[in-house]
Protein backbone atom coordinates (compact mmCIF):
# COMPACT_ATOMS: atom_id res chain seq x y z
CA MET A 1 0.00 0.00 0.00
CA ALA A 2 2.81 2.41 0.92
CA ARG A 3 4.52 1.65 -2.38
CA VAL A 4 1.36 2.53 -4.33
CA LEU A 5 1.02 5.77 -2.36
CA VAL A 6 4.63 6.72 -3.17
CA LEU A 7 4.06 5.98 -6.87
CA VAL A 8 0.89 8.10 -6.91
CA LEU A 9 2.69 10.94 -5.15
CA LEU A 10 5.57 10.77 -7.65
CA ALA A 11 3.10 10.80 -10.56
CA VAL A 12 1.34 13.88 -9.16
CA LEU A 13 4.66 15.68 -8.64
CA ALA A 14 5.81 14.78 -12.16
CA ALA A 15 2.57 16.08 -13.65
CA ALA A 16 2.82 19.33 -11.69
CA TRP A 17 6.42 19.79 -12.81
CA ALA A 18 5.53 19.09 -16.44
CA TRP A 19 2.76 21.72 -16.43
CA GLU A 20 4.86 24.45 -14.80
CA PRO A 21 5.05 27.40 -17.21
CA ALA A 22 8.42 28.04 -18.80
CA LYS A 23 10.59 30.68 -17.21
CA ALA A 24 12.29 33.48 -19.11
CA PRO A 25 15.55 32.31 -20.64
CA PRO A 26 18.82 33.44 -19.06
CA CYS A 27 20.11 36.83 -20.15
CA SER A 28 22.87 35.29 -22.24
CA LYS A 29 20.23 33.38 -24.25
CA ILE A 30 18.05 36.50 -24.64
CA THR A 31 21.06 38.41 -25.97
CA GLU A 32 21.87 35.51 -28.31
CA MET A 33 18.29 35.59 -29.63
CA LEU A 34 18.63 39.26 -30.55
CA VAL A 35 22.17 39.30 -32.01
CA PRO A 36 20.84 38.58 -35.55
CA CYS A 37 18.80 41.80 -35.21
CA ILE A 38 21.86 44.06 -34.88
CA PRO A 39 22.00 45.06 -38.58
CA TYR A 40 18.37 46.19 -38.46
CA LEU A 41 18.66 47.78 -35.01
CA THR A 42 21.73 49.81 -36.02
CA ASP A 43 20.18 51.02 -39.30
CA LYS A 44 22.48 48.88 -41.47
CA ALA A 45 19.58 46.85 -42.85
CA ALA A 46 16.19 48.09 -44.00
CA HIS A 47 14.32 45.10 -42.56
CA PRO A 48 14.95 42.52 -39.86
CA GLY A 49 16.14 39.21 -41.29
CA PRO A 50 14.56 35.78 -40.79
CA LYS A 51 16.98 34.80 -37.99
CA CYS A 52 16.23 38.06 -36.17
CA CYS A 53 12.48 37.46 -36.38
CA SER A 54 12.94 33.87 -35.28
CA GLY A 55 14.74 35.14 -32.17
CA VAL A 56 11.99 37.68 -31.47
CA ARG A 57 9.35 34.95 -31.81
CA ASP A 58 11.30 32.65 -29.49
CA LEU A 59 11.63 35.44 -26.95
CA ARG A 60 7.89 36.09 -27.09
CA LYS A 61 7.14 32.39 -26.61
CA ALA A 62 9.32 32.41 -23.49
CA THR A 63 7.32 35.26 -21.96
CA ASN A 64 4.45 33.78 -19.98
CA THR A 65 4.34 35.75 -16.75
CA HIS A 66 4.95 39.16 -15.27
CA ASP A 67 8.22 37.88 -13.80
CA ASP A 68 9.30 36.83 -17.30
CA LEU A 69 8.64 40.34 -18.59
CA VAL A 70 10.60 41.91 -15.76
CA ALA A 71 13.51 39.51 -16.28
CA ILE A 72 13.61 40.22 -20.02
CA CYS A 73 13.35 43.97 -19.41
CA LYS A 74 16.25 43.91 -16.93
CA CYS A 75 18.33 41.81 -19.30
CA LEU A 76 17.73 44.18 -22.21
CA LYS A 77 18.73 47.14 -20.04
CA ARG A 78 21.96 45.39 -18.97
CA ALA A 79 22.73 44.29 -22.52
CA ALA A 80 22.08 47.72 -24.09
CA HIS A 81 25.79 48.58 -23.97
CA LEU A 82 26.54 45.45 -26.01
CA PHE A 83 24.55 46.89 -28.92
CA PRO A 84 26.12 50.32 -29.58
CA GLY A 85 24.26 52.51 -32.01
CA VAL A 86 20.85 50.91 -31.50
CA ASP A 87 18.00 52.99 -32.86
CA TYR A 88 15.47 52.44 -30.05
CA PRO A 89 12.38 53.48 -32.05
CA ARG A 90 13.39 50.79 -34.57
CA ALA A 91 13.80 48.34 -31.70
CA ASP A 92 10.30 49.11 -30.45
CA ASN A 93 8.93 48.40 -33.95
CA LEU A 94 10.84 45.11 -34.26
CA PRO A 95 8.12 42.78 -32.92
CA HIS A 96 5.55 44.31 -35.28
CA LEU A 97 7.85 43.87 -38.28
CA CYS A 98 8.41 40.24 -37.29
CA GLY A 99 4.66 39.62 -36.98
CA VAL A 100 4.82 39.19 -33.22
CA ARG A 101 2.41 40.82 -30.80
CA PHE A 102 4.90 41.69 -28.08
CA ASN A 103 4.74 45.25 -26.81
CA LEU A 104 7.83 45.51 -24.61
CA THR A 105 9.91 48.68 -24.77
CA PHE A 106 13.55 48.07 -25.68
CA SER A 107 14.79 51.34 -24.17
CA PRO A 108 17.64 51.46 -21.63
CA SER A 109 15.66 54.14 -19.78
CA VAL A 110 12.54 52.02 -19.16
CA ASP A 111 11.75 51.35 -15.51
CA CYS A 112 11.34 47.58 -15.37
CA LYS A 113 9.65 47.87 -11.97
CA LYS A 114 6.76 49.75 -13.60
CA ILE A 115 5.81 46.93 -15.93
CA PRO A 116 2.24 46.13 -14.89
CA GLY A 117 1.30 43.07 -12.90
CA PRO A 118 -0.65 40.13 -14.34
CA GLU A 119 -3.87 42.15 -14.49
CA GLY A 120 -2.21 44.54 -16.97
CA LEU A 121 -0.05 41.98 -18.73
CA GLU A 122 -2.25 41.91 -21.83
CA LYS A 123 -0.95 45.42 -22.67
CA TYR A 124 2.53 43.97 -22.98
CA LEU A 125 1.64 40.56 -24.39
CA LEU A 126 -0.96 41.53 -26.96
């Protein structure tokens, strides 16, 4: 009987773990996702390329919660110096150009703490 109870408990824990929403990727991965966008972001290309848009789509897919948004925001602020010459209005338009509904400001001056909680998340994850 105890063995059956342990197996049931393990099955419940495994199911709960499997259904846990994905967390935002580490900052190094976020930066890696956006590196193909540098030519567009620095005005050296008229349009974002397919690899850039793939990275933007992957980043959007990894954004499921308010904590994910905050983590991505903080990462983008820290990584801003790695992308010298970024045209931030172009960066803000990047998700739209890639066909992604993802309204997150890519500005180093954004206050990540002011990103709304889950009740206002739909503004940022349209």
